[in-house]
Amino acid sequence: LNTHEYFLKIVPSYMVDEYGKKLPHAYQYTFAHREMIQMGHGHQITPVIWFRYDMNPITVRYIYKSKPLYSFLTTVCAIVGGTFTVASIIDSVLFTASELFKKVQLGKLS
């Protein structure tokens, strides 16, 4: 015989697009559940189900803003530069290892 509690919190929200047009309202929610055995002075208490509903008075506003072109170009340059850097590190490690292997084969390692 358990007691159950259900919590539902609702937050109203809306979105504004890049042109300033307000899109229809939406609601976000969080849900939680808790189950417990209640005891009272040595004996069990009658099981209960609680529903707790909370409507948040604060409205969340999301504003959509597109990123400028230079942000995209900067990201692409960073990815290309990072790729070349990692490739050059791998190339130098492989070249050094092959040169070391050649010296070992020729017996010139001292």
N, C-alpha and C. Protein backbone atom coordinates (compact mmCIF):
# COMPACT_ATOMS: atom_id res chain seq x y z
N LEU A 1 0.85 -1.18 0.00
CA LEU A 1 0.00 0.00 0.00
C LEU A 1 0.89 1.24 0.00
N ASN A 2 0.99 1.85 -1.13
CA ASN A 2 1.88 2.99 -1.30
C ASN A 2 1.09 4.27 -1.54
N THR A 3 1.75 5.38 -1.24
CA THR A 3 1.19 6.69 -1.57
C THR A 3 1.94 7.19 -2.80
N HIS A 4 1.22 7.72 -3.76
CA HIS A 4 1.80 8.21 -5.01
C HIS A 4 1.58 9.71 -5.09
N GLU A 5 2.65 10.41 -5.51
CA GLU A 5 2.55 11.85 -5.76
C GLU A 5 3.00 12.12 -7.19
N TYR A 6 2.21 12.86 -7.93
CA TYR A 6 2.53 13.25 -9.29
C TYR A 6 2.63 14.77 -9.34
N PHE A 7 3.76 15.27 -9.85
CA PHE A 7 4.00 16.70 -9.94
C PHE A 7 4.03 17.10 -11.41
N LEU A 8 3.29 18.14 -11.77
CA LEU A 8 3.29 18.65 -13.13
C LEU A 8 3.46 20.15 -13.07
N LYS A 9 4.56 20.64 -13.64
CA LYS A 9 4.83 22.08 -13.68
C LYS A 9 4.76 22.53 -15.13
N ILE A 10 3.98 23.56 -15.39
CA ILE A 10 3.77 24.04 -16.75
C ILE A 10 4.28 25.47 -16.86
N VAL A 11 5.06 25.73 -17.93
CA VAL A 11 5.63 27.06 -18.18
C VAL A 11 5.13 27.51 -19.56
N PRO A 12 4.40 28.61 -19.63
CA PRO A 12 4.00 29.12 -20.94
C PRO A 12 5.19 29.72 -21.68
N SER A 13 5.23 29.55 -22.99
CA SER A 13 6.35 30.08 -23.76
C SER A 13 5.86 30.44 -25.16
N TYR A 14 6.59 31.31 -25.80
CA TYR A 14 6.32 31.64 -27.19
C TYR A 14 7.61 31.98 -27.88
N MET A 15 7.56 31.97 -29.21
CA MET A 15 8.77 32.20 -30.00
C MET A 15 8.55 33.38 -30.93
N VAL A 16 9.59 34.19 -31.10
CA VAL A 16 9.57 35.31 -32.02
C VAL A 16 10.55 34.98 -33.14
N ASP A 17 10.05 35.01 -34.40
CA ASP A 17 10.95 34.65 -35.50
C ASP A 17 11.86 35.83 -35.84
N GLU A 18 12.72 35.63 -36.85
CA GLU A 18 13.74 36.63 -37.18
C GLU A 18 13.14 37.92 -37.74
N TYR A 19 11.88 37.90 -38.13
CA TYR A 19 11.23 39.10 -38.66
C TYR A 19 10.40 39.83 -37.60
N GLY A 20 10.43 39.33 -36.36
CA GLY A 20 9.69 39.96 -35.28
C GLY A 20 8.26 39.47 -35.14
N LYS A 21 7.88 38.47 -35.92
CA LYS A 21 6.52 37.93 -35.85
C LYS A 21 6.41 36.96 -34.68
N LYS A 22 5.40 37.15 -33.86
CA LYS A 22 5.19 36.31 -32.69
C LYS A 22 4.44 35.05 -33.11
N LEU A 23 5.04 33.90 -32.86
CA LEU A 23 4.42 32.62 -33.20
C LEU A 23 3.48 32.21 -32.07
N PRO A 24 2.55 31.27 -32.33
CA PRO A 24 1.55 30.89 -31.31
C PRO A 24 2.19 30.39 -30.02
N HIS A 25 1.43 30.56 -28.94
CA HIS A 25 1.90 30.11 -27.62
C HIS A 25 2.07 28.60 -27.58
N ALA A 26 3.02 28.19 -26.80
CA ALA A 26 3.24 26.77 -26.53
C ALA A 26 3.49 26.63 -25.04
N TYR A 27 3.41 25.44 -24.55
CA TYR A 27 3.63 25.20 -23.13
C TYR A 27 4.70 24.12 -22.97
N GLN A 28 5.63 24.40 -22.06
CA GLN A 28 6.64 23.41 -21.72
C GLN A 28 6.26 22.86 -20.35
N TYR A 29 6.59 21.61 -20.12
CA TYR A 29 6.23 21.04 -18.83
C TYR A 29 7.33 20.12 -18.31
N THR A 30 7.32 19.97 -17.01
CA THR A 30 8.16 18.98 -16.36
C THR A 30 7.25 18.09 -15.53
N PHE A 31 7.63 16.84 -15.43
CA PHE A 31 6.80 15.85 -14.75
C PHE A 31 7.68 15.06 -13.80
N ALA A 32 7.16 14.80 -12.63
CA ALA A 32 7.90 13.98 -11.67
C ALA A 32 6.91 13.08 -10.93
N HIS A 33 7.41 11.98 -10.46
CA HIS A 33 6.58 11.01 -9.74
C HIS A 33 7.34 10.52 -8.52
N ARG A 34 6.65 10.40 -7.43
CA ARG A 34 7.27 9.89 -6.20
C ARG A 34 6.33 8.86 -5.58
N GLU A 35 6.91 7.77 -5.11
CA GLU A 35 6.14 6.71 -4.49
C GLU A 35 6.74 6.43 -3.11
N MET A 36 5.88 6.32 -2.11
CA MET A 36 6.40 6.09 -0.76
C MET A 36 5.39 5.31 0.08
N ILE A 37 5.90 4.69 1.12
CA ILE A 37 5.05 4.02 2.10
C ILE A 37 5.00 4.93 3.32
N GLN A 38 3.79 5.34 3.70
CA GLN A 38 3.65 6.23 4.85
C GLN A 38 3.28 5.41 6.08
N MET A 39 3.92 5.74 7.17
CA MET A 39 3.65 5.07 8.44
C MET A 39 3.19 6.12 9.44
N GLY A 40 2.26 5.76 10.28
CA GLY A 40 1.79 6.69 11.29
C GLY A 40 1.62 6.00 12.63
N HIS A 41 2.42 6.31 13.59
CA HIS A 41 2.36 5.80 14.97
C HIS A 41 2.22 4.28 15.02
N GLY A 42 3.05 3.59 14.24
CA GLY A 42 3.10 2.14 14.32
C GLY A 42 2.16 1.41 13.38
N HIS A 43 1.32 2.09 12.66
CA HIS A 43 0.43 1.41 11.73
C HIS A 43 0.44 2.12 10.38
N GLN A 44 0.04 1.38 9.35
CA GLN A 44 0.03 1.97 8.02
C GLN A 44 -1.16 2.91 7.85
N ILE A 45 -0.93 3.93 7.02
CA ILE A 45 -1.99 4.89 6.72
C ILE A 45 -2.62 4.49 5.38
N THR A 46 -3.84 4.87 5.17
CA THR A 46 -4.54 4.55 3.93
C THR A 46 -3.78 5.13 2.73
N PRO A 47 -3.61 4.35 1.66
CA PRO A 47 -2.89 4.85 0.50
C PRO A 47 -3.64 6.02 -0.16
N VAL A 48 -2.84 6.95 -0.71
CA VAL A 48 -3.39 8.17 -1.29
C VAL A 48 -2.70 8.42 -2.63
N ILE A 49 -3.41 9.08 -3.54
CA ILE A 49 -2.82 9.55 -4.78
C ILE A 49 -2.96 11.07 -4.80
N TRP A 50 -1.82 11.75 -4.93
CA TRP A 50 -1.80 13.22 -4.98
C TRP A 50 -1.43 13.66 -6.38
N PHE A 51 -2.16 14.62 -6.92
CA PHE A 51 -1.82 15.27 -8.18
C PHE A 51 -1.54 16.73 -7.88
N ARG A 52 -0.31 17.15 -8.11
CA ARG A 52 0.07 18.54 -7.84
C ARG A 52 0.34 19.23 -9.18
N TYR A 53 -0.36 20.31 -9.41
CA TYR A 53 -0.32 21.03 -10.67
C TYR A 53 0.14 22.44 -10.40
N ASP A 54 1.20 22.88 -11.08
CA ASP A 54 1.74 24.21 -10.85
C ASP A 54 1.88 24.93 -12.19
N MET A 55 1.17 26.04 -12.33
CA MET A 55 1.27 26.87 -13.54
C MET A 55 2.21 28.02 -13.23
N ASN A 56 3.33 28.10 -13.94
CA ASN A 56 4.33 29.11 -13.68
C ASN A 56 3.84 30.47 -14.19
N PRO A 57 3.97 31.53 -13.39
CA PRO A 57 3.50 32.84 -13.83
C PRO A 57 4.46 33.55 -14.78
N ILE A 58 5.64 33.01 -14.97
CA ILE A 58 6.64 33.64 -15.84
C ILE A 58 6.58 32.99 -17.21
N THR A 59 6.53 33.81 -18.25
CA THR A 59 6.51 33.31 -19.63
C THR A 59 7.91 33.37 -20.21
N VAL A 60 8.31 32.30 -20.89
CA VAL A 60 9.62 32.23 -21.52
C VAL A 60 9.47 32.66 -22.98
N ARG A 61 10.34 33.55 -23.43
CA ARG A 61 10.31 34.03 -24.81
C ARG A 61 11.59 33.59 -25.50
N TYR A 62 11.44 32.91 -26.62
CA TYR A 62 12.57 32.49 -27.43
C TYR A 62 12.62 33.39 -28.66
N ILE A 63 13.80 33.96 -28.93
CA ILE A 63 13.97 34.82 -30.09
C ILE A 63 14.92 34.13 -31.06
N TYR A 64 14.43 33.88 -32.26
CA TYR A 64 15.23 33.22 -33.28
C TYR A 64 16.09 34.27 -33.98
N LYS A 65 17.38 34.02 -34.00
CA LYS A 65 18.31 34.90 -34.72
C LYS A 65 19.22 34.01 -35.55
N SER A 66 19.28 34.29 -36.84
CA SER A 66 20.17 33.52 -37.70
C SER A 66 21.59 34.04 -37.56
N LYS A 67 22.54 33.13 -37.71
CA LYS A 67 23.94 33.51 -37.60
C LYS A 67 24.39 34.17 -38.91
N PRO A 68 25.29 35.14 -38.83
CA PRO A 68 25.78 35.78 -40.05
C PRO A 68 26.69 34.85 -40.84
N LEU A 69 26.94 35.20 -42.10
CA LEU A 69 27.75 34.38 -42.99
C LEU A 69 29.18 34.23 -42.50
N TYR A 70 29.74 35.29 -41.92
CA TYR A 70 31.13 35.20 -41.47
C TYR A 70 31.30 34.19 -40.34
N SER A 71 30.26 33.96 -39.56
CA SER A 71 30.34 32.94 -38.51
C SER A 71 30.48 31.55 -39.13
N PHE A 72 29.71 31.30 -40.18
CA PHE A 72 29.82 30.02 -40.90
C PHE A 72 31.20 29.85 -41.52
N LEU A 73 31.70 30.91 -42.15
CA LEU A 73 33.02 30.83 -42.79
C LEU A 73 34.14 30.61 -41.77
N THR A 74 34.02 31.25 -40.62
CA THR A 74 35.01 31.05 -39.56
C THR A 74 35.01 29.60 -39.09
N THR A 75 33.83 29.02 -38.95
CA THR A 75 33.73 27.63 -38.51
C THR A 75 34.33 26.68 -39.54
N VAL A 76 34.04 26.92 -40.81
CA VAL A 76 34.61 26.08 -41.87
C VAL A 76 36.13 26.18 -41.89
N CYS A 77 36.66 27.39 -41.75
CA CYS A 77 38.13 27.56 -41.72
C CYS A 77 38.75 26.85 -40.52
N ALA A 78 38.08 26.89 -39.39
CA ALA A 78 38.59 26.21 -38.20
C ALA A 78 38.62 24.70 -38.40
N ILE A 79 37.59 24.16 -39.03
CA ILE A 79 37.55 22.72 -39.28
C ILE A 79 38.64 22.30 -40.26
N VAL A 80 38.80 23.07 -41.35
CA VAL A 80 39.83 22.75 -42.35
C VAL A 80 41.22 22.88 -41.74
N GLY A 81 41.46 23.94 -40.98
CA GLY A 81 42.77 24.13 -40.34
C GLY A 81 43.08 23.03 -39.34
N GLY A 82 42.09 22.63 -38.56
CA GLY A 82 42.29 21.54 -37.60
C GLY A 82 42.58 20.23 -38.30
N THR A 83 41.90 19.99 -39.41
CA THR A 83 42.15 18.75 -40.16
C THR A 83 43.58 18.72 -40.70
N PHE A 84 44.03 19.83 -41.29
CA PHE A 84 45.41 19.88 -41.80
C PHE A 84 46.43 19.75 -40.66
N THR A 85 46.16 20.33 -39.52
CA THR A 85 47.08 20.23 -38.39
C THR A 85 47.21 18.79 -37.91
N VAL A 86 46.09 18.11 -37.74
CA VAL A 86 46.13 16.70 -37.30
C VAL A 86 46.80 15.84 -38.36
N ALA A 87 46.50 16.08 -39.64
CA ALA A 87 47.14 15.30 -40.71
C ALA A 87 48.65 15.51 -40.73
N SER A 88 49.10 16.75 -40.50
CA SER A 88 50.55 17.00 -40.51
C SER A 88 51.23 16.36 -39.30
N ILE A 89 50.57 16.33 -38.17
CA ILE A 89 51.15 15.65 -36.98
C ILE A 89 51.29 14.16 -37.25
N ILE A 90 50.25 13.56 -37.81
CA ILE A 90 50.31 12.13 -38.12
C ILE A 90 51.40 11.86 -39.17
N ASP A 91 51.52 12.72 -40.16
CA ASP A 91 52.54 12.56 -41.19
C ASP A 91 53.94 12.65 -40.60
N SER A 92 54.18 13.61 -39.72
CA SER A 92 55.52 13.75 -39.13
C SER A 92 55.85 12.58 -38.21
N VAL A 93 54.86 12.05 -37.50
CA VAL A 93 55.12 10.89 -36.64
C VAL A 93 55.47 9.67 -37.50
N LEU A 94 54.72 9.46 -38.59
CA LEU A 94 55.00 8.33 -39.47
C LEU A 94 56.36 8.47 -40.16
N PHE A 95 56.71 9.69 -40.59
CA PHE A 95 58.00 9.93 -41.24
C PHE A 95 59.15 9.67 -40.27
N THR A 96 59.03 10.17 -39.04
CA THR A 96 60.07 9.96 -38.04
C THR A 96 60.22 8.48 -37.71
N ALA A 97 59.09 7.77 -37.60
CA ALA A 97 59.15 6.34 -37.30
C ALA A 97 59.79 5.57 -38.45
N SER A 98 59.49 5.94 -39.70
CA SER A 98 60.08 5.23 -40.84
C SER A 98 61.58 5.50 -40.94
N GLU A 99 62.02 6.73 -40.67
CA GLU A 99 63.44 7.05 -40.68
C GLU A 99 64.17 6.29 -39.58
N LEU A 100 63.55 6.19 -38.41
CA LEU A 100 64.16 5.44 -37.32
C LEU A 100 64.25 3.96 -37.67
N PHE A 101 63.24 3.43 -38.31
CA PHE A 101 63.25 2.03 -38.72
C PHE A 101 64.34 1.77 -39.75
N LYS A 102 64.55 2.71 -40.69
CA LYS A 102 65.61 2.56 -41.70
C LYS A 102 66.99 2.57 -41.04
N LYS A 103 67.18 3.44 -40.05
CA LYS A 103 68.46 3.49 -39.35
C LYS A 103 68.72 2.20 -38.58
N VAL A 104 67.68 1.63 -38.00
CA VAL A 104 67.85 0.38 -37.27
C VAL A 104 68.24 -0.73 -38.25
N GLN A 105 67.60 -0.77 -39.42
CA GLN A 105 67.94 -1.79 -40.41
C GLN A 105 69.36 -1.67 -40.92
N LEU A 106 69.85 -0.42 -41.08
CA LEU A 106 71.20 -0.23 -41.57
C LEU A 106 72.25 -0.34 -40.47
N GLY A 107 71.81 -0.37 -39.23
CA GLY A 107 72.72 -0.45 -38.10
C GLY A 107 73.41 0.84 -37.79
N LYS A 108 72.86 1.95 -38.17
CA LYS A 108 73.47 3.26 -37.94
C LYS A 108 72.85 3.97 -36.74
N LEU A 109 72.11 3.25 -35.95
CA LEU A 109 71.50 3.86 -34.76
C LEU A 109 72.52 3.89 -33.65
N SER A 110 72.89 5.10 -33.20
CA SER A 110 73.89 5.17 -32.14
C SER A 110 73.47 6.16 -31.09
